[in-house]
PDB file of N, CA and C in Angstrom:
ATOM      1  N   MET A   1     151.768  99.349  73.664  1.00  0.00           N
ATOM      2  CA  MET A   1     151.037 100.532  73.272  1.00  0.00           C
ATOM      3  C   MET A   1     151.990 101.567  72.674  1.00  0.00           C
ATOM      4  N   GLY A   2     153.174 101.662  73.262  1.00  0.00           N
ATOM      5  CA  GLY A   2     154.143 102.608  72.735  1.00  0.00           C
ATOM      6  C   GLY A   2     154.523 102.302  71.302  1.00  0.00           C
ATOM      7  N   TYR A   3     154.625 101.036  70.993  1.00  0.00           N
ATOM      8  CA  TYR A   3     154.966 100.633  69.627  1.00  0.00           C
ATOM      9  C   TYR A   3     153.849 101.009  68.651  1.00  0.00           C
ATOM     10  N   LEU A   4     152.600 100.820  69.056  1.00  0.00           N
ATOM     11  CA  LEU A   4     151.465 101.131  68.181  1.00  0.00           C
ATOM     12  C   LEU A   4     151.304 102.625  67.937  1.00  0.00           C
ATOM     13  N   PHE A   5     151.601 103.440  68.944  1.00  0.00           N
ATOM     14  CA  PHE A   5     151.391 104.883  68.830  1.00  0.00           C
ATOM     15  C   PHE A   5     152.684 105.673  68.622  1.00  0.00           C
ATOM     16  N   ARG A   6     153.739 105.026  68.214  1.00  0.00           N
ATOM     17  CA  ARG A   6     155.040 105.688  68.109  1.00  0.00           C
ATOM     18  C   ARG A   6     155.091 106.799  67.062  1.00  0.00           C
ATOM     19  N   LYS A   7     154.254 106.752  66.051  1.00  0.00           N
ATOM     20  CA  LYS A   7     154.309 107.749  64.979  1.00  0.00           C
ATOM     21  C   LYS A   7     153.227 108.814  65.115  1.00  0.00           C
ATOM     22  N   ARG A   8     152.527 108.819  66.210  1.00  0.00           N
ATOM     23  CA  ARG A   8     151.446 109.790  66.406  1.00  0.00           C
ATOM     24  C   ARG A   8     151.878 110.899  67.339  1.00  0.00           C
ATOM     25  N   ASN A   9     151.294 112.064  67.137  1.00  0.00           N
ATOM     26  CA  ASN A   9     151.570 113.209  67.994  1.00  0.00           C
ATOM     27  C   ASN A   9     150.708 113.094  69.249  1.00  0.00           C
ATOM     28  N   LEU A  10     151.341 112.827  70.367  1.00  0.00           N
ATOM     29  CA  LEU A  10     150.630 112.641  71.623  1.00  0.00           C
ATOM     30  C   LEU A  10     150.984 113.726  72.635  1.00  0.00           C
ATOM     31  N   SER A  11     151.197 114.933  72.168  1.00  0.00           N
ATOM     32  CA  SER A  11     151.608 116.018  73.062  1.00  0.00           C
ATOM     33  C   SER A  11     150.503 116.414  74.038  1.00  0.00           C
ATOM     34  N   PHE A  12     149.269 116.062  73.750  1.00  0.00           N
ATOM     35  CA  PHE A  12     148.154 116.408  74.625  1.00  0.00           C
ATOM     36  C   PHE A  12     148.089 115.504  75.870  1.00  0.00           C
ATOM     37  N   ILE A  13     148.839 114.410  75.865  1.00  0.00           N
ATOM     38  CA  ILE A  13     148.772 113.445  76.955  1.00  0.00           C
ATOM     39  C   ILE A  13     149.137 114.083  78.296  1.00  0.00           C
ATOM     40  N   SER A  14     150.123 114.955  78.328  1.00  0.00           N
ATOM     41  CA  SER A  14     150.521 115.573  79.604  1.00  0.00           C
ATOM     42  C   SER A  14     149.381 116.407  80.182  1.00  0.00           C
ATOM     43  N   LYS A  15     148.609 117.077  79.334  1.00  0.00           N
ATOM     44  CA  LYS A  15     147.462 117.854  79.816  1.00  0.00           C
ATOM     45  C   LYS A  15     146.368 116.931  80.344  1.00  0.00           C
ATOM     46  N   VAL A  16     146.152 115.820  79.680  1.00  0.00           N
ATOM     47  CA  VAL A  16     145.145 114.854  80.129  1.00  0.00           C
ATOM     48  C   VAL A  16     145.535 114.289  81.489  1.00  0.00           C
ATOM     49  N   ILE A  17     146.809 113.965  81.649  1.00  0.00           N
ATOM     50  CA  ILE A  17     147.292 113.425  82.924  1.00  0.00           C
ATOM     51  C   ILE A  17     147.125 114.456  84.036  1.00  0.00           C
ATOM     52  N   THR A  18     147.437 115.717  83.743  1.00  0.00           N
ATOM     53  CA  THR A  18     147.274 116.770  84.738  1.00  0.00           C
ATOM     54  C   THR A  18     145.826 116.895  85.173  1.00  0.00           C
ATOM     55  N   VAL A  19     144.909 116.890  84.231  1.00  0.00           N
ATOM     56  CA  VAL A  19     143.476 116.986  84.557  1.00  0.00           C
ATOM     57  C   VAL A  19     143.038 115.783  85.387  1.00  0.00           C
ATOM     58  N   LEU A  20     143.482 114.600  85.031  1.00  0.00           N
ATOM     59  CA  LEU A  20     143.117 113.406  85.794  1.00  0.00           C
ATOM     60  C   LEU A  20     143.660 113.459  87.220  1.00  0.00           C
ATOM     61  N   ILE A  21     144.863 113.976  87.390  1.00  0.00           N
ATOM     62  CA  ILE A  21     145.424 114.108  88.739  1.00  0.00           C
ATOM     63  C   ILE A  21     144.601 115.087  89.564  1.00  0.00           C
ATOM     64  N   TRP A  22     144.188 116.204  88.956  1.00  0.00           N
ATOM     65  CA  TRP A  22     143.345 117.173  89.678  1.00  0.00           C
ATOM     66  C   TRP A  22     142.015 116.547  90.070  1.00  0.00           C
ATOM     67  N   ILE A  23     141.443 115.750  89.193  1.00  0.00           N
ATOM     68  CA  ILE A  23     140.175 115.076  89.508  1.00  0.00           C
ATOM     69  C   ILE A  23     140.368 114.090  90.662  1.00  0.00           C
ATOM     70  N   LEU A  24     141.449 113.326  90.613  1.00  0.00           N
ATOM     71  CA  LEU A  24     141.733 112.385  91.695  1.00  0.00           C
ATOM     72  C   LEU A  24     141.942 113.094  93.028  1.00  0.00           C
ATOM     73  N   LEU A  25     142.647 114.215  93.022  1.00  0.00           N
ATOM     74  CA  LEU A  25     142.844 114.981  94.253  1.00  0.00           C
ATOM     75  C   LEU A  25     141.522 115.533  94.789  1.00  0.00           C
ATOM     76  N   PHE A  26     140.657 115.985  93.887  1.00  0.00           N
ATOM     77  CA  PHE A  26     139.356 116.505  94.292  1.00  0.00           C
ATOM     78  C   PHE A  26     138.514 115.407  94.935  1.00  0.00           C
ATOM     79  N   VAL A  27     138.482 114.237  94.313  1.00  0.00           N
ATOM     80  CA  VAL A  27     137.706 113.118  94.855  1.00  0.00           C
ATOM     81  C   VAL A  27     138.292 112.662  96.193  1.00  0.00           C
ATOM     82  N   LEU A  28     139.605 112.635  96.306  1.00  0.00           N
ATOM     83  CA  LEU A  28     140.239 112.289  97.575  1.00  0.00           C
ATOM     84  C   LEU A  28     139.840 113.290  98.657  1.00  0.00           C
ATOM     85  N   GLY A  29     139.824 114.563  98.321  1.00  0.00           N
ATOM     86  CA  GLY A  29     139.394 115.589  99.271  1.00  0.00           C
ATOM     87  C   GLY A  29     137.954 115.402  99.705  1.00  0.00           C
ATOM     88  N   LEU A  30     137.092 115.031  98.771  1.00  0.00           N
ATOM     89  CA  LEU A  30     135.696 114.753  99.121  1.00  0.00           C
ATOM     90  C   LEU A  30     135.597 113.574 100.081  1.00  0.00           C
ATOM     91  N   GLU A  31     136.347 112.529  99.799  1.00  0.00           N
ATOM     92  CA  GLU A  31     136.319 111.343 100.660  1.00  0.00           C
ATOM     93  C   GLU A  31     136.826 111.668 102.066  1.00  0.00           C
ATOM     94  N   VAL A  32     137.924 112.387 102.156  1.00  0.00           N
ATOM     95  CA  VAL A  32     138.486 112.730 103.464  1.00  0.00           C
ATOM     96  C   VAL A  32     137.543 113.675 104.212  1.00  0.00           C
ATOM     97  N   GLY A  33     137.004 114.654 103.505  1.00  0.00           N
ATOM     98  CA  GLY A  33     136.106 115.622 104.144  1.00  0.00           C
ATOM     99  C   GLY A  33     134.794 115.019 104.594  1.00  0.00           C
ATOM    100  N   SER A  34     134.355 113.965 103.977  1.00  0.00           N
ATOM    101  CA  SER A  34     133.081 113.347 104.354  1.00  0.00           C
ATOM    102  C   SER A  34     133.246 112.266 105.410  1.00  0.00           C
ATOM    103  N   ASN A  35     134.462 111.974 105.805  1.00  0.00           N
ATOM    104  CA  ASN A  35     134.709 110.953 106.835  1.00  0.00           C
ATOM    105  C   ASN A  35     134.783 111.648 108.195  1.00  0.00           C
ATOM    106  N   PRO A  36     133.760 111.458 109.049  1.00  0.00           N
ATOM    107  CA  PRO A  36     133.741 112.167 110.346  1.00  0.00           C
ATOM    108  C   PRO A  36     134.887 111.765 111.276  1.00  0.00           C
ATOM    109  N   GLN A  37     135.361 110.531 111.168  1.00  0.00           N
ATOM    110  CA  GLN A  37     136.458 110.081 112.030  1.00  0.00           C
ATOM    111  C   GLN A  37     137.744 110.837 111.687  1.00  0.00           C
ATOM    112  N   ILE A  38     138.009 111.031 110.403  1.00  0.00           N
ATOM    113  CA  ILE A  38     139.215 111.767 109.986  1.00  0.00           C
ATOM    114  C   ILE A  38     139.087 113.234 110.374  1.00  0.00           C
ATOM    115  N   VAL A  39     137.921 113.824 110.135  1.00  0.00           N
ATOM    116  CA  VAL A  39     137.720 115.246 110.433  1.00  0.00           C
ATOM    117  C   VAL A  39     137.853 115.507 111.933  1.00  0.00           C
ATOM    118  N   SER A  40     137.345 114.604 112.764  1.00  0.00           N
ATOM    119  CA  SER A  40     137.427 114.814 114.210  1.00  0.00           C
ATOM    120  C   SER A  40     138.856 114.653 114.727  1.00  0.00           C
ATOM    121  N   ASN A  41     139.685 113.899 114.045  1.00  0.00           N
ATOM    122  CA  ASN A  41     141.082 113.692 114.464  1.00  0.00           C
ATOM    123  C   ASN A  41     142.066 114.507 113.637  1.00  0.00           C
ATOM    124  N   LEU A  42     141.597 115.535 112.964  1.00  0.00           N
ATOM    125  CA  LEU A  42     142.446 116.318 112.073  1.00  0.00           C
ATOM    126  C   LEU A  42     143.621 116.971 112.800  1.00  0.00           C
ATOM    127  N   GLY A  43     143.408 117.432 114.018  1.00  0.00           N
ATOM    128  CA  GLY A  43     144.496 118.053 114.786  1.00  0.00           C
ATOM    129  C   GLY A  43     145.625 117.067 115.068  1.00  0.00           C
ATOM    130  N   LYS A  44     145.282 115.856 115.497  1.00  0.00           N
ATOM    131  CA  LYS A  44     146.294 114.840 115.779  1.00  0.00           C
ATOM    132  C   LYS A  44     146.977 114.394 114.495  1.00  0.00           C
ATOM    133  N   LEU A  45     146.190 114.231 113.430  1.00  0.00           N
ATOM    134  CA  LEU A  45     146.778 113.823 112.151  1.00  0.00           C
ATOM    135  C   LEU A  45     147.732 114.892 111.629  1.00  0.00           C
ATOM    136  N   GLY A  46     147.371 116.156 111.828  1.00  0.00           N
ATOM    137  CA  GLY A  46     148.238 117.254 111.387  1.00  0.00           C
ATOM    138  C   GLY A  46     149.552 117.268 112.137  1.00  0.00           C
ATOM    139  N   LEU A  47     149.487 117.014 113.443  1.00  0.00           N
ATOM    140  CA  LEU A  47     150.706 116.972 114.246  1.00  0.00           C
ATOM    141  C   LEU A  47     151.584 115.799 113.828  1.00  0.00           C
ATOM    142  N   ASP A  48     150.963 114.639 113.625  1.00  0.00           N
ATOM    143  CA  ASP A  48     151.725 113.473 113.153  1.00  0.00           C
ATOM    144  C   ASP A  48     152.372 113.748 111.799  1.00  0.00           C
ATOM    145  N   ALA A  49     151.625 114.377 110.899  1.00  0.00           N
ATOM    146  CA  ALA A  49     152.160 114.699 109.569  1.00  0.00           C
ATOM    147  C   ALA A  49     153.334 115.672 109.685  1.00  0.00           C
ATOM    148  N   LEU A  50     153.225 116.648 110.580  1.00  0.00           N
ATOM    149  CA  LEU A  50     154.311 117.610 110.778  1.00  0.00           C
ATOM    150  C   LEU A  50     155.561 116.910 111.304  1.00  0.00           C
ATOM    151  N   ILE A  51     155.396 116.014 112.261  1.00  0.00           N
ATOM    152  CA  ILE A  51     156.541 115.281 112.823  1.00  0.00           C
ATOM    153  C   ILE A  51     157.207 114.420 111.752  1.00  0.00           C
ATOM    154  N   ILE A  52     156.414 113.724 110.957  1.00  0.00           N
ATOM    155  CA  ILE A  52     156.970 112.885 109.888  1.00  0.00           C
ATOM    156  C   ILE A  52     157.694 113.745 108.859  1.00  0.00           C
ATOM    157  N   THR A  53     157.105 114.881 108.504  1.00  0.00           N
ATOM    158  CA  THR A  53     157.723 115.772 107.509  1.00  0.00           C
ATOM    159  C   THR A  53     159.062 116.315 107.997  1.00  0.00           C
ATOM    160  N   VAL A  54     159.091 116.787 109.238  1.00  0.00           N
ATOM    161  CA  VAL A  54     160.338 117.329 109.787  1.00  0.00           C
ATOM    162  C   VAL A  54     161.400 116.231 109.880  1.00  0.00           C
ATOM    163  N   GLY A  55     161.002 115.038 110.306  1.00  0.00           N
ATOM    164  CA  GLY A  55     161.955 113.930 110.384  1.00  0.00           C
ATOM    165  C   GLY A  55     162.514 113.552 109.025  1.00  0.00           C
ATOM    166  N   ALA A  56     161.635 113.491 108.026  1.00  0.00           N
ATOM    167  CA  ALA A  56     162.087 113.159 106.670  1.00  0.00           C
ATOM    168  C   ALA A  56     163.010 114.240 106.119  1.00  0.00           C
ATOM    169  N   LEU A  57     162.683 115.484 106.389  1.00  0.00           N
ATOM    170  CA  LEU A  57     163.504 116.597 105.915  1.00  0.00           C
ATOM    171  C   LEU A  57     164.882 116.574 106.559  1.00  0.00           C
ATOM    172  N   LEU A  58     164.919 116.396 107.874  1.00  0.00           N
ATOM    173  CA  LEU A  58     166.217 116.344 108.562  1.00  0.00           C
ATOM    174  C   LEU A  58     167.042 115.142 108.117  1.00  0.00           C
ATOM    175  N   GLY A  59     166.401 114.003 107.937  1.00  0.00           N
ATOM    176  CA  GLY A  59     167.113 112.822 107.456  1.00  0.00           C
ATOM    177  C   GLY A  59     167.665 113.022 106.058  1.00  0.00           C
ATOM    178  N   SER A  60     166.880 113.635 105.193  1.00  0.00           N
ATOM    179  CA  SER A  60     167.339 113.888 103.824  1.00  0.00           C
ATOM    180  C   SER A  60     168.517 114.850 103.801  1.00  0.00           C
ATOM    181  N   ILE A  61     168.426 115.904 104.575  1.00  0.00           N
ATOM    182  CA  ILE A  61     169.514 116.884 104.624  1.00  0.00           C
ATOM    183  C   ILE A  61     170.782 116.245 105.172  1.00  0.00           C
ATOM    184  N   THR A  62     170.646 115.462 106.239  1.00  0.00           N
ATOM    185  CA  THR A  62     171.813 114.807 106.851  1.00  0.00           C
ATOM    186  C   THR A  62     172.486 113.841 105.881  1.00  0.00           C
ATOM    187  N   LEU A  63     171.687 112.985 105.257  1.00  0.00           N
ATOM    188  CA  LEU A  63     172.278 112.012 104.335  1.00  0.00           C
ATOM    189  C   LEU A  63     172.815 112.667 103.065  1.00  0.00           C
ATOM    190  N   ALA A  64     172.168 113.738 102.594  1.00  0.00           N
ATOM    191  CA  ALA A  64     172.682 114.451 101.429  1.00  0.00           C
ATOM    192  C   ALA A  64     174.036 115.096 101.749  1.00  0.00           C
ATOM    193  N   ALA A  65     174.158 115.671 102.941  1.00  0.00           N
ATOM    194  CA  ALA A  65     175.443 116.275 103.343  1.00  0.00           C
ATOM    195  C   ALA A  65     176.525 115.210 103.458  1.00  0.00           C
ATOM    196  N   LEU A  66     176.173 114.060 104.017  1.00  0.00           N
ATOM    197  CA  LEU A  66     177.138 112.968 104.129  1.00  0.00           C
ATOM    198  C   LEU A  66     177.573 112.472 102.754  1.00  0.00           C
ATOM    199  N   LEU A  67     176.626 112.293 101.865  1.00  0.00           N
ATOM    200  CA  LEU A  67     176.940 111.860 100.504  1.00  0.00           C
ATOM    201  C   LEU A  67     177.808 112.903  99.793  1.00  0.00           C
ATOM    202  N   TRP A  68     177.496 114.175  99.987  1.00  0.00           N
ATOM    203  CA  TRP A  68     178.272 115.257  99.371  1.00  0.00           C
ATOM    204  C   TRP A  68     179.733 115.190  99.831  1.00  0.00           C
ATOM    205  N   LYS A  69     179.941 114.950 101.141  1.00  0.00           N
ATOM    206  CA  LYS A  69     181.310 114.836 101.661  1.00  0.00           C
ATOM    207  C   LYS A  69     182.025 113.635 101.063  1.00  0.00           C
ATOM    208  N   ILE A  70     181.336 112.508 100.948  1.00  0.00           N
ATOM    209  CA  ILE A  70     181.947 111.300 100.393  1.00  0.00           C
ATOM    210  C   ILE A  70     182.310 111.502  98.929  1.00  0.00           C
ATOM    211  N   VAL A  71     181.423 112.095  98.152  1.00  0.00           N
ATOM    212  CA  VAL A  71     181.677 112.305  96.725  1.00  0.00           C
ATOM    213  C   VAL A  71     182.816 113.295  96.526  1.00  0.00           C
ATOM    214  N   ASN A  72     182.816 114.384  97.259  1.00  0.00           N
ATOM    215  CA  ASN A  72     183.883 115.374  97.105  1.00  0.00           C
ATOM    216  C   ASN A  72     185.214 114.873  97.632  1.00  0.00           C
ATOM    217  N   LYS A  73     185.202 114.007  98.618  1.00  0.00           N
ATOM    218  CA  LYS A  73     186.425 113.438  99.133  1.00  0.00           C
ATOM    219  C   LYS A  73     187.100 112.546  98.101  1.00  0.00           C
ATOM    220  N   SER A  74     186.302 111.775  97.377  1.00  0.00           N
ATOM    221  CA  SER A  74     186.874 110.879  96.357  1.00  0.00           C
ATOM    222  C   SER A  74     187.355 111.673  95.141  1.00  0.00           C
ATOM    223  N   LYS A  75     186.796 112.844  94.872  1.00  0.00           N
ATOM    224  CA  LYS A  75     187.248 113.663  93.740  1.00  0.00           C
ATOM    225  C   LYS A  75     188.611 114.304  94.022  1.00  0.00           C
ATOM    226  N   VAL A  76     188.867 114.671  95.288  1.00  0.00           N
ATOM    227  CA  VAL A  76     190.100 115.341  95.643  1.00  0.00           C
ATOM    228  C   VAL A  76     191.271 114.379  95.551  1.00  0.00           C
ATOM    229  N   GLN A  77     191.096 113.158  95.941  1.00  0.00           N
ATOM    230  CA  GLN A  77     192.206 112.200  95.973  1.00  0.00           C
ATOM    231  C   GLN A  77     192.548 111.667  94.645  1.00  0.00           C
TER     232      GLN A  77
END
């Protein structure tokens, strides 16, 4: 497809993609909101999401700091 459309101005594509993402998020919200099992367990799901988020954040920070030390150590030597 890229070869066929290589000479055309496709600058509007990013706007189309943005609109489609918003539509998908809206439909996902409708599906989640209409599911009584998810709505009734929202408190537990929120706590689980918070724990996963904090764990991912701490892991990312720790590994980024370790990588930073390794990269800067090799630059000094």
